[in-house]
Structure formats: structure tokens, C-alpha cells
Amino acid sequence: MRDFLKVVEDELVTVREELSPRYDIPAVLQELDRPVLFERVRGYEAPLLGNLCARRRYLAEALGVDSWDDVLRRLAEAMENPERPGKDPSPAFLEAEHGPEFLDEELPMCRFYETDGGPYLTTSLIIAREPEKGTPNASVHRMMYLGDGRFAVRIVPRHLYRYYERSGRDLPVAVCLGVDPRTMFACCARVPYDVDELEVAAAFWDDFRVHEVDYDLPVPAESEVVMVGRLVDERAPEGPFVDVTRTLDERRKEPVLVVEKVYAREDFTPTVILPGGEEHRIMMGGPAEATILAHVSRVCEVKKVRLTPGGGRWLQAVISIRKRTEGEAVNAGLAALAAHPSLKHVIVVDEDIDPDDPEEVEYALSTRFQADRDLHVVRGLGSTLDPSSEEGIMAKAIFDATAPVEERERYEVVRVPVTDRAREVLKRLESE
């Protein structure tokens, strides 16, 4: 995390006034789209760092690549070709060891919205081992603090949930805080059950290292804080919680984590992600974009994949393709729906349309799409984050907003040619 901080230090905002983790700090994070260091957190000695990856270009710069598309391609490649991570024998988080009281006395946790069910940790990377094969799993989960070293952990029915069930609901875990965004991003990738996300992280960025703590759990060496404990056979109400759509996720009974031990740097700096904020959307939606890119690339040539801001970077995608034959756009849409089951709408456009420009996407829909011919609707399981869904069941739509291959000339946008003389004048006018 500290190496990543060097990448964004020129844009870092430092808040020296004392602010409460209850609403004060979240309000500042909501209004700024830059990294923010809160030096004085009411009730705690530790500072708090937020919005660390609130712009996509920060991740590109940290990886040393030119664009967001390069980030997605790099993650897609890492998912296909994971690597065994190197080891760090003496990471800084081993500097101090604490009991569960550390959570009440030293670790700041935020209440973001008035509807929150309790104080939350939102940058929690949980590491566990598969009970039968021992394969590590790394995944990010929100954790609502119950007090006395106990959390209610939101666990969707994917890999960690299967580990928990196979363990007889007594699963050793490590929870890592203050993790580098490059690691977090890689560990949010949707990979097969037997793939270790930590190996994806090792393939994604060069300096990734791990260190094994209690229960032989490998954790990112750059972690600021590592909590060790067990997911036990107990459930507690979790939520409400504001998710990427900025609407309330429902309240559920979730597994309880009992913390046994805490390791921390002596000068630890925990991180926080604002629920529903842009960093939340980047870290959750970006890996899904990489997954969509990998799947759609198997059926056609993909130029760009974007989960749209209006869809919470989760529910709606725009995909630009180099269309060679009729039917490719529909295949691209179906591949996207299979890759990212939470998708509700997929808009497929030609390569001359920029998915990052809503006006261009709307133009394609206005001039290249006919609803009776180019709209394809299927009904299936989607995301409960869509409040209009029926327990996650929704109508999903593919919009084929591509031009016919044989009539492409009719759809090309005509532009005035820019002469050398005109460029000279424009350059002078821009400099004045």
C-alpha cells in the first residue's frame, strides 16, 4: 500500500482537523475524488486513508501501463496464467502483536450512512484455505463490527462460502487491512474454484509477496494489519449496507468471525473505501470488466469493455467490437452475460464508438438500433443489487447497436477534414 501511495502522493489531500469516523470522514470522501489522508481520527491514534484508488488512471500508473484497457488486459492474462508468489520472511506487519481488544481501542471503523447496521470495515481481504485440498482463497468482503472482537461478514455463495460449509462451519481465516490496491484488484477477479487469487496477484504485479501466519495462511506481505481468527457456526444480522448502486442491500444473517489475534505495523495506516463511491465501483467493477473482456474475446475481436457509471459499474456494460459478420454482436452480448451474471443490459457497438463517451453510445443506439430487430431479451438470475429485480431474477437485454457489415458506409460519421493550416491556427488559439 505504501508503494502505491507514492504513485498518488502529488494528488493526496491531507486533512489535519480532527474528524469522526461516524459520517464526518465519509462525507469528505464523498465530496472528493482524490486520495485523502485523515491525520486525526476522533477516538483513535491511527490515521485513516481513503479514496486511494478513486481514479482508474492511478491503477494504470502504479502498474506502469498506458491505459485502463492495458490494466484489464493485464488482469485477464494474469487470470489465465497465475504465478506462484514470492515470500517475504519478515513483513512489517509483524512489528506488533495484539489481542482482540485492538479492534475496540486502536482500529478506526466508519459508519458511512445513517442506515448502516453498524460500524464497518470495507477493505477487508479475507484469506482461507480449502479444507480438503488446501488451496488458498482470497476475496474482499464487508465486515460489520459487533463488538468484543466479533464481526458479521457478508459472504456471497461463492468460493469462501464453500470453504466455510466444507469446514463444518469452523474455518480459520486471516483478514488483511491496508492492502495494496493492485492486490485488492487482482483478488476481486472471478476465477475458477481451484485457482488461487494470490497467484493471480503475483502474475498481475511484479513486487507481490506473501508471508504465512497462523493456520498456515498466506497473506500479502504489504498488509498494514492482519487479523487471525475463525468463521464459526453462528450467524448474526448484517446490514443494511449501501452497495455500488447506492441503494440499500438487504439485511441478512451472516457468518460470524471471531478474532483471536491481530498483527500490525507499529505505525499502521488502515484504509477505507466509501460504499457506493467511485473507488468501490472501480475495485468491484474493474475485475468484472477484465472477466468480460476475456470471455467476449473468445467469440469476436473486442476493442473496449466498460461497465457504465450509471449502472454502478456493475449492472450495465458497453462493449465495442470489430464486427466482421452478422450475429457477432449478439454472441458478444451472450458471452458478456455468461461472464458476469450480474449484468442486466449489454450494449454492443462498433469500434468507431467510444464506450467511455455516453453521447457516442446514445448516438449508436439512435442510429444503428431497431428494437424489433436488434433487442434480445432473456430472463434469468442476475443481481439483488438491482432493486427492481425479483430476488435477483430479472429480464436481461442485449442491444445490438452495430451497423450492418455490408452497409457500413451509410453509418459512418462524416467529418470536416482538418488541414495543416487549420491545425496551426487551432494550436495558436489553444495557447492564447
Protein backbone atom coordinates (compact mmCIF):
# COMPACT_ATOMS: atom_id res chain seq x y z
CA MET A 1 0.00 0.00 0.00
CA ARG A 2 2.82 2.41 0.83
CA ASP A 3 4.46 1.89 -2.56
CA PHE A 4 1.11 2.62 -4.22
CA LEU A 5 0.80 5.76 -2.12
CA LYS A 6 3.98 7.09 -3.73
CA VAL A 7 2.21 6.96 -7.11
CA VAL A 8 -0.60 9.26 -5.96
CA GLU A 9 1.28 11.44 -3.45
CA ASP A 10 1.12 14.54 -5.67
CA GLU A 11 -2.69 14.37 -5.57
CA LEU A 12 -3.01 13.35 -1.93
CA VAL A 13 -5.20 15.61 0.21
CA THR A 14 -4.21 15.77 3.89
CA VAL A 15 -6.91 16.61 6.42
CA ARG A 16 -5.36 17.81 9.68
CA GLU A 17 -8.59 18.67 11.51
CA GLU A 18 -9.99 16.03 13.85
CA LEU A 19 -12.91 14.21 12.23
CA SER A 20 -15.21 11.47 13.46
CA PRO A 21 -15.31 8.12 11.64
CA ARG A 22 -19.08 8.39 12.05
CA TYR A 23 -20.25 10.39 8.99
CA ASP A 24 -17.51 13.11 9.06
CA ILE A 25 -14.84 11.13 7.22
CA PRO A 26 -17.32 9.50 4.80
CA ALA A 27 -18.73 12.95 3.93
CA VAL A 28 -15.29 14.19 2.90
CA LEU A 29 -14.65 11.05 0.87
CA GLN A 30 -17.98 11.51 -0.87
CA GLU A 31 -17.17 15.05 -1.99
CA LEU A 32 -13.61 14.42 -3.19
CA ASP A 33 -12.33 12.16 -5.97
CA ARG A 34 -8.72 12.21 -4.80
CA PRO A 35 -6.81 10.22 -2.16
CA VAL A 36 -7.37 11.61 1.33
CA LEU A 37 -5.26 11.09 4.45
CA PHE A 38 -7.11 11.82 7.69
CA GLU A 39 -4.37 12.54 10.24
CA ARG A 40 -6.64 12.86 13.29
CA VAL A 41 -9.47 10.37 13.69
CA ARG A 42 -11.60 11.07 16.74
CA GLY A 43 -11.08 8.41 19.40
CA TYR A 44 -8.03 6.82 17.78
CA GLU A 45 -4.33 7.45 17.39
CA ALA A 46 -4.09 5.82 13.96
CA PRO A 47 -4.73 7.88 10.82
CA LEU A 48 -7.06 6.69 8.07
CA LEU A 49 -6.54 6.67 4.30
CA GLY A 50 -9.41 6.75 1.80
CA ASN A 51 -10.07 7.16 -1.93
CA LEU A 52 -6.66 5.61 -2.56
CA CYS A 53 -7.77 4.29 -5.95
CA ALA A 54 -10.59 6.73 -6.72
CA ARG A 55 -9.44 7.23 -10.32
CA ARG A 56 -8.74 4.45 -12.80
CA ARG A 57 -5.53 6.06 -14.01
CA TYR A 58 -3.95 5.60 -10.56
CA LEU A 59 -4.01 1.84 -11.07
CA ALA A 60 -2.61 2.18 -14.59
CA GLU A 61 0.23 4.40 -13.36
CA ALA A 62 1.03 2.02 -10.48
CA LEU A 63 1.31 -0.84 -12.96
CA GLY A 64 3.39 1.20 -15.40
CA VAL A 65 0.90 0.84 -18.27
CA ASP A 66 -0.62 3.47 -20.54
CA SER A 67 -4.37 2.99 -20.22
CA TRP A 68 -7.25 1.34 -18.39
CA ASP A 69 -7.58 -1.10 -21.27
CA ASP A 70 -4.00 -2.20 -20.59
CA VAL A 71 -4.95 -2.80 -16.94
CA LEU A 72 -7.87 -5.01 -17.99
CA ARG A 73 -5.79 -6.98 -20.48
CA ARG A 74 -3.09 -7.48 -17.88
CA LEU A 75 -5.57 -8.84 -15.35
CA ALA A 76 -7.22 -11.06 -17.97
CA GLU A 77 -3.80 -12.51 -18.78
CA ALA A 78 -2.96 -12.98 -15.10
CA MET A 79 -6.23 -14.87 -14.61
CA GLU A 80 -5.23 -17.24 -17.42
CA ASN A 81 -1.59 -17.56 -16.30
CA PRO A 82 -1.31 -17.29 -12.48
CA GLU A 83 2.14 -17.46 -10.87
CA ARG A 84 3.35 -18.66 -7.51
CA PRO A 85 4.11 -15.59 -5.35
CA GLY A 86 7.46 -14.96 -3.75
CA LYS A 87 7.82 -14.94 0.04
CA ASP A 88 8.75 -12.20 2.48
CA PRO A 89 10.28 -13.66 5.67
CA SER A 90 9.85 -10.53 7.81
CA PRO A 91 6.99 -8.25 6.73
CA ALA A 92 6.42 -5.02 8.63
CA PHE A 93 3.01 -6.12 9.98
CA LEU A 94 4.87 -8.47 12.36
CA GLU A 95 6.22 -5.49 14.32
CA ALA A 96 3.49 -5.72 16.95
CA GLU A 97 1.07 -8.41 18.15
CA HIS A 98 -2.22 -7.67 19.91
CA GLY A 99 -5.31 -9.36 21.26
CA PRO A 100 -8.88 -8.75 20.08
CA GLU A 101 -9.09 -5.61 22.24
CA PHE A 102 -7.07 -3.91 19.49
CA LEU A 103 -10.29 -3.63 17.48
CA ASP A 104 -12.05 -1.53 20.09
CA GLU A 105 -9.10 0.52 21.23
CA GLU A 106 -6.97 1.18 18.15
CA LEU A 107 -8.68 0.35 14.83
CA PRO A 108 -10.97 3.07 13.41
CA MET A 109 -14.13 1.83 11.69
CA CYS A 110 -16.61 4.05 9.89
CA ARG A 111 -20.33 4.48 9.95
CA PHE A 112 -20.93 5.82 6.45
CA TYR A 113 -24.69 6.33 6.19
CA GLU A 114 -27.46 6.79 8.74
CA THR A 115 -28.94 3.47 7.56
CA ASP A 116 -25.79 1.45 8.34
CA GLY A 117 -26.36 -1.53 10.59
CA GLY A 118 -23.15 -0.75 12.48
CA PRO A 119 -19.54 0.33 12.02
CA TYR A 120 -17.90 -1.32 9.00
CA LEU A 121 -14.58 -2.40 7.59
CA THR A 122 -14.77 -2.10 3.80
CA THR A 123 -11.23 -3.01 2.69
CA SER A 124 -11.13 -6.47 4.27
CA LEU A 125 -9.23 -9.05 2.21
CA ILE A 126 -10.04 -12.47 3.68
CA ILE A 127 -7.64 -15.39 3.19
CA ALA A 128 -8.66 -19.02 3.83
CA ARG A 129 -7.57 -22.49 2.75
CA GLU A 130 -9.84 -25.05 1.10
CA PRO A 131 -10.41 -27.68 3.82
CA GLU A 132 -9.76 -30.70 1.57
CA LYS A 133 -7.09 -29.59 -0.93
CA GLY A 134 -5.57 -26.69 0.99
CA THR A 135 -5.88 -24.27 -1.94
CA PRO A 136 -5.82 -20.66 -0.69
CA ASN A 137 -8.66 -18.31 -1.50
CA ALA A 138 -8.50 -14.52 -1.29
CA SER A 139 -11.61 -12.37 -1.57
CA VAL A 140 -12.85 -8.96 -0.40
CA HIS A 141 -15.80 -8.79 1.99
CA ARG A 142 -17.53 -6.10 4.00
CA MET A 143 -17.46 -6.73 7.75
CA MET A 144 -19.85 -5.19 10.28
CA TYR A 145 -18.40 -4.94 13.78
CA LEU A 146 -20.48 -6.49 16.55
CA GLY A 147 -18.09 -5.68 19.41
CA ASP A 148 -15.86 -7.89 21.57
CA GLY A 149 -13.69 -8.95 18.61
CA ARG A 150 -16.62 -10.28 16.55
CA PHE A 151 -17.82 -9.35 13.05
CA ALA A 152 -20.79 -10.29 10.88
CA VAL A 153 -19.21 -10.98 7.46
CA ARG A 154 -21.20 -10.73 4.23
CA ILE A 155 -20.28 -13.86 2.27
CA VAL A 156 -21.98 -14.47 -1.06
CA PRO A 157 -22.34 -18.17 -2.03
CA ARG A 158 -19.08 -18.48 -3.92
CA HIS A 159 -15.66 -19.88 -3.02
CA LEU A 160 -15.23 -18.69 0.58
CA TYR A 161 -18.78 -19.78 1.38
CA ARG A 162 -18.00 -23.27 0.04
CA TYR A 163 -14.83 -23.38 2.16
CA TYR A 164 -16.89 -22.39 5.19
CA GLU A 165 -19.51 -25.08 4.57
CA ARG A 166 -16.90 -27.79 3.88
CA SER A 167 -15.06 -26.92 7.10
CA GLY A 168 -18.12 -27.77 9.17
CA ARG A 169 -18.55 -24.03 9.75
CA ASP A 170 -15.32 -23.66 11.67
CA LEU A 171 -12.94 -22.08 9.19
CA PRO A 172 -9.60 -20.42 10.08
CA VAL A 173 -9.14 -17.12 8.23
CA ALA A 174 -6.83 -14.14 8.08
CA VAL A 175 -8.25 -10.68 7.41
CA CYS A 176 -5.83 -8.21 5.84
CA LEU A 177 -6.24 -4.43 6.00
CA GLY A 178 -4.21 -1.71 4.31
CA VAL A 179 -3.52 -3.93 1.30
CA ASP A 180 -2.11 -2.52 -1.95
CA PRO A 181 -4.93 -1.72 -4.45
CA ARG A 182 -3.13 -3.82 -7.07
CA THR A 183 -3.54 -6.84 -4.81
CA MET A 184 -7.15 -5.98 -3.99
CA PHE A 185 -7.97 -5.58 -7.68
CA ALA A 186 -6.46 -8.94 -8.60
CA CYS A 187 -8.17 -10.72 -5.71
CA CYS A 188 -11.56 -9.43 -6.90
CA ALA A 189 -11.13 -11.38 -10.15
CA ARG A 190 -13.72 -14.07 -10.81
CA VAL A 191 -11.64 -17.23 -11.27
CA PRO A 192 -12.42 -20.99 -11.14
CA TYR A 193 -12.72 -22.69 -7.76
CA ASP A 194 -9.26 -24.27 -7.86
CA VAL A 195 -7.40 -21.07 -8.82
CA ASP A 196 -5.60 -19.16 -6.06
CA GLU A 197 -6.26 -15.41 -6.32
CA LEU A 198 -2.93 -14.71 -4.65
CA GLU A 199 -1.27 -16.35 -7.65
CA VAL A 200 -3.31 -14.07 -9.91
CA ALA A 201 -1.97 -11.11 -7.89
CA ALA A 202 1.59 -12.40 -8.34
CA ALA A 203 1.10 -12.51 -12.11
CA PHE A 204 -0.63 -9.11 -12.11
CA TRP A 205 2.11 -7.04 -10.43
CA ASP A 206 5.79 -7.76 -10.02
CA ASP A 207 6.54 -6.96 -6.37
CA PHE A 208 3.77 -9.01 -4.78
CA ARG A 209 4.96 -11.18 -1.88
CA VAL A 210 3.27 -13.28 0.82
CA HIS A 211 4.04 -14.38 4.36
CA GLU A 212 2.38 -17.29 6.17
CA VAL A 213 0.77 -16.54 9.53
CA ASP A 214 -1.19 -18.76 11.92
CA TYR A 215 -3.03 -21.76 10.42
CA ASP A 216 -0.53 -21.68 7.50
CA LEU A 217 -2.45 -18.85 5.88
CA PRO A 218 -0.50 -16.90 3.22
CA VAL A 219 -1.21 -13.17 3.42
CA PRO A 220 0.02 -10.20 1.36
CA ALA A 221 3.30 -9.02 2.86
CA GLU A 222 2.39 -5.36 2.29
CA SER A 223 -0.60 -5.56 4.69
CA GLU A 224 -0.73 -2.92 7.41
CA VAL A 225 -2.90 -5.03 9.75
CA VAL A 226 -3.60 -8.79 9.77
CA MET A 227 -6.34 -10.26 11.96
CA VAL A 228 -6.39 -14.02 12.53
CA GLY A 229 -9.49 -15.86 13.68
CA ARG A 230 -12.26 -18.26 12.72
CA LEU A 231 -15.57 -18.13 10.91
CA VAL A 232 -17.72 -20.05 13.39
CA ASP A 233 -21.07 -21.81 13.32
CA GLU A 234 -23.00 -18.73 14.32
CA ARG A 235 -24.90 -16.12 12.34
CA ALA A 236 -25.74 -12.54 13.17
CA PRO A 237 -27.77 -9.84 11.39
CA GLU A 238 -25.62 -7.88 8.91
CA GLY A 239 -26.69 -4.63 7.28
CA PRO A 240 -28.34 -2.62 5.96
CA PHE A 241 -25.40 -1.60 3.76
CA VAL A 242 -25.17 0.78 0.79
CA ASP A 243 -23.72 -1.04 -2.21
CA VAL A 244 -22.36 0.02 -5.64
CA THR A 245 -25.80 1.05 -6.90
CA ARG A 246 -26.03 3.47 -3.94
CA THR A 247 -29.17 1.69 -2.79
CA LEU A 248 -29.59 -0.40 0.33
CA ASP A 249 -28.61 -4.05 0.18
CA GLU A 250 -30.95 -6.14 2.28
CA ARG A 251 -30.33 -7.19 5.87
CA ARG A 252 -29.32 -10.84 6.26
CA LYS A 253 -27.97 -13.23 8.86
CA GLU A 254 -24.32 -13.81 8.01
CA PRO A 255 -21.47 -15.93 9.46
CA VAL A 256 -19.68 -14.55 12.50
CA LEU A 257 -15.92 -14.04 12.55
CA VAL A 258 -14.25 -14.36 15.95
CA VAL A 259 -10.87 -12.60 16.01
CA GLU A 260 -8.17 -14.32 18.07
CA LYS A 261 -5.04 -12.31 17.31
CA VAL A 262 -4.01 -9.13 15.50
CA TYR A 263 -0.67 -8.28 13.89
CA ALA A 264 0.03 -4.67 12.95
CA ARG A 265 2.79 -2.31 11.94
CA GLU A 266 3.70 -0.01 14.80
CA ASP A 267 2.75 2.98 12.61
CA PHE A 268 -0.11 1.24 10.80
CA THR A 269 -2.41 3.17 8.47
CA PRO A 270 -5.68 1.39 7.70
CA THR A 271 -7.61 2.15 4.52
CA VAL A 272 -11.30 2.73 3.92
CA ILE A 273 -13.49 2.53 0.81
CA LEU A 274 -16.68 4.60 0.69
CA PRO A 275 -19.59 2.25 -0.12
CA GLY A 276 -21.17 3.35 -3.40
CA GLY A 277 -18.27 5.68 -4.16
CA GLU A 278 -16.12 5.60 -7.29
CA GLU A 279 -13.31 3.62 -5.65
CA HIS A 280 -15.82 0.95 -4.63
CA ARG A 281 -17.04 0.77 -8.23
CA ILE A 282 -13.53 0.62 -9.69
CA MET A 283 -12.37 -2.13 -7.36
CA MET A 284 -15.55 -4.18 -7.77
CA GLY A 285 -16.39 -3.48 -11.41
CA GLY A 286 -12.90 -3.36 -12.92
CA PRO A 287 -12.11 -7.07 -12.42
CA ALA A 288 -15.55 -7.88 -13.83
CA GLU A 289 -14.62 -5.86 -16.94
CA ALA A 290 -11.48 -7.98 -17.30
CA THR A 291 -13.54 -11.16 -17.00
CA ILE A 292 -15.99 -9.92 -19.65
CA LEU A 293 -13.08 -8.96 -21.91
CA ALA A 294 -11.57 -12.44 -21.64
CA HIS A 295 -14.87 -14.22 -22.38
CA VAL A 296 -16.04 -11.98 -25.21
CA SER A 297 -12.61 -12.13 -26.87
CA ARG A 298 -13.28 -15.83 -27.48
CA VAL A 299 -16.17 -15.06 -29.84
CA CYS A 300 -15.08 -11.82 -31.56
CA GLU A 301 -12.43 -9.10 -31.65
CA VAL A 302 -13.01 -6.76 -28.73
CA LYS A 303 -11.82 -3.14 -28.65
CA LYS A 304 -13.15 -1.97 -25.26
CA VAL A 305 -15.29 -3.17 -22.38
CA ARG A 306 -16.85 -0.75 -19.92
CA LEU A 307 -19.28 -1.21 -17.06
CA THR A 308 -21.08 2.12 -17.02
CA PRO A 309 -21.14 4.61 -14.12
CA GLY A 310 -24.93 4.86 -14.36
CA GLY A 311 -25.15 1.11 -13.80
CA GLY A 312 -22.94 1.33 -10.74
CA ARG A 313 -20.13 -0.14 -12.88
CA TRP A 314 -21.89 -3.43 -12.25
CA LEU A 315 -25.30 -3.78 -13.93
CA GLN A 316 -24.78 -2.36 -17.44
CA ALA A 317 -21.97 -2.82 -19.97
CA VAL A 318 -20.97 -1.22 -23.26
CA ILE A 319 -18.74 -3.34 -25.49
CA SER A 320 -17.13 -2.11 -28.70
CA ILE A 321 -16.14 -4.77 -31.23
CA ARG A 322 -14.62 -5.01 -34.69
CA LYS A 323 -17.62 -6.58 -36.35
CA ARG A 324 -16.81 -8.88 -39.27
CA THR A 325 -20.03 -10.88 -39.71
CA GLU A 326 -23.66 -10.51 -38.74
CA GLY A 327 -24.51 -12.18 -35.44
CA GLU A 328 -21.20 -11.37 -33.76
CA ALA A 329 -22.76 -8.58 -31.68
CA VAL A 330 -25.36 -10.94 -30.21
CA ASN A 331 -22.68 -13.55 -29.49
CA ALA A 332 -20.66 -10.85 -27.74
CA GLY A 333 -23.65 -9.92 -25.61
CA LEU A 334 -24.38 -13.52 -24.66
CA ALA A 335 -20.72 -14.09 -23.74
CA ALA A 336 -20.80 -10.99 -21.54
CA LEU A 337 -23.92 -12.17 -19.72
CA ALA A 338 -22.29 -15.55 -19.10
CA ALA A 339 -19.05 -13.96 -17.88
CA HIS A 340 -20.70 -11.53 -15.46
CA PRO A 341 -24.05 -12.92 -14.25
CA SER A 342 -24.97 -9.66 -12.51
CA LEU A 343 -25.24 -7.88 -15.87
CA LYS A 344 -28.67 -6.58 -16.78
CA HIS A 345 -28.00 -4.67 -20.03
CA VAL A 346 -25.29 -5.17 -22.66
CA ILE A 347 -24.95 -2.55 -25.39
CA VAL A 348 -22.73 -3.73 -28.25
CA VAL A 349 -21.33 -1.02 -30.53
CA ASP A 350 -18.88 -0.77 -33.42
CA GLU A 351 -15.20 0.07 -32.96
CA ASP A 352 -15.77 3.70 -34.05
CA ILE A 353 -17.94 4.25 -30.94
CA ASP A 354 -16.16 5.02 -27.67
CA PRO A 355 -17.82 3.22 -24.72
CA ASP A 356 -16.41 5.91 -22.39
CA ASP A 357 -18.46 8.59 -24.19
CA PRO A 358 -22.19 8.37 -23.30
CA GLU A 359 -23.08 10.69 -26.19
CA GLU A 360 -21.45 8.37 -28.72
CA VAL A 361 -23.17 5.34 -27.19
CA GLU A 362 -26.53 7.13 -27.35
CA TYR A 363 -25.77 8.06 -30.96
CA ALA A 364 -25.20 4.39 -31.82
CA LEU A 365 -28.47 3.43 -30.16
CA SER A 366 -30.28 6.21 -32.01
CA THR A 367 -28.94 5.46 -35.49
CA ARG A 368 -27.96 1.77 -35.57
CA PHE A 369 -30.54 0.04 -33.39
CA GLN A 370 -34.10 -1.09 -34.16
CA ALA A 371 -35.95 -2.56 -31.19
CA ASP A 372 -37.99 -5.10 -33.18
CA ARG A 373 -34.82 -6.46 -34.81
CA ASP A 374 -31.87 -5.72 -32.53
CA LEU A 375 -33.22 -6.16 -28.99
CA HIS A 376 -32.67 -9.60 -27.47
CA VAL A 377 -34.23 -10.33 -24.07
CA VAL A 378 -33.60 -13.27 -21.75
CA ARG A 379 -34.82 -13.82 -18.22
CA GLY A 380 -32.53 -15.25 -15.59
CA LEU A 381 -30.64 -14.87 -12.35
CA GLY A 382 -28.94 -11.50 -12.00
CA SER A 383 -28.10 -9.26 -9.08
CA THR A 384 -30.08 -8.49 -5.96
CA LEU A 385 -28.37 -5.06 -6.08
CA ASP A 386 -30.94 -4.14 -8.73
CA PRO A 387 -33.91 -3.06 -6.58
CA SER A 388 -36.30 -3.78 -9.47
CA SER A 389 -35.27 -7.45 -9.62
CA GLU A 390 -37.41 -10.15 -8.04
CA GLU A 391 -34.97 -11.74 -5.56
CA GLY A 392 -32.28 -11.39 -8.21
CA ILE A 393 -34.38 -12.70 -11.11
CA MET A 394 -34.50 -10.13 -13.91
CA ALA A 395 -35.04 -9.55 -17.63
CA LYS A 396 -31.65 -9.12 -19.29
CA ALA A 397 -31.29 -7.28 -22.58
CA ILE A 398 -28.71 -7.23 -25.36
CA PHE A 399 -28.83 -4.12 -27.52
CA ASP A 400 -27.17 -4.70 -30.91
CA ALA A 401 -26.25 -1.12 -31.80
CA THR A 402 -23.84 -2.09 -34.57
CA ALA A 403 -24.11 -1.18 -38.25
CA PRO A 404 -24.73 -3.88 -40.88
CA VAL A 405 -21.41 -5.10 -42.29
CA GLU A 406 -22.49 -4.73 -45.93
CA GLU A 407 -23.84 -1.19 -45.43
CA ARG A 408 -21.21 0.27 -43.14
CA GLU A 409 -20.65 3.33 -45.34
CA ARG A 410 -24.19 4.55 -44.69
CA TYR A 411 -23.45 4.74 -40.97
CA GLU A 412 -20.07 6.43 -40.99
CA VAL A 413 -19.99 9.87 -39.34
CA VAL A 414 -18.85 12.50 -41.85
CA ARG A 415 -16.29 14.97 -40.54
CA VAL A 416 -14.67 18.10 -41.91
CA PRO A 417 -11.03 17.36 -42.89
CA VAL A 418 -8.52 19.22 -40.70
CA THR A 419 -5.82 20.79 -42.87
CA ASP A 420 -2.27 21.59 -41.77
CA ARG A 421 -3.07 25.30 -41.88
CA ALA A 422 -6.14 24.82 -39.72
CA ARG A 423 -4.06 22.86 -37.19
CA GLU A 424 -1.57 25.74 -36.97
CA VAL A 425 -4.35 28.23 -36.22
CA LEU A 426 -6.02 25.94 -33.71
CA LYS A 427 -2.73 25.36 -31.90
CA ARG A 428 -2.19 29.12 -31.65
CA LEU A 429 -5.71 29.69 -30.35
CA GLU A 430 -5.33 26.97 -27.70
CA SER A 431 -2.14 28.55 -26.41
CA GLU A 432 -3.65 32.04 -26.04
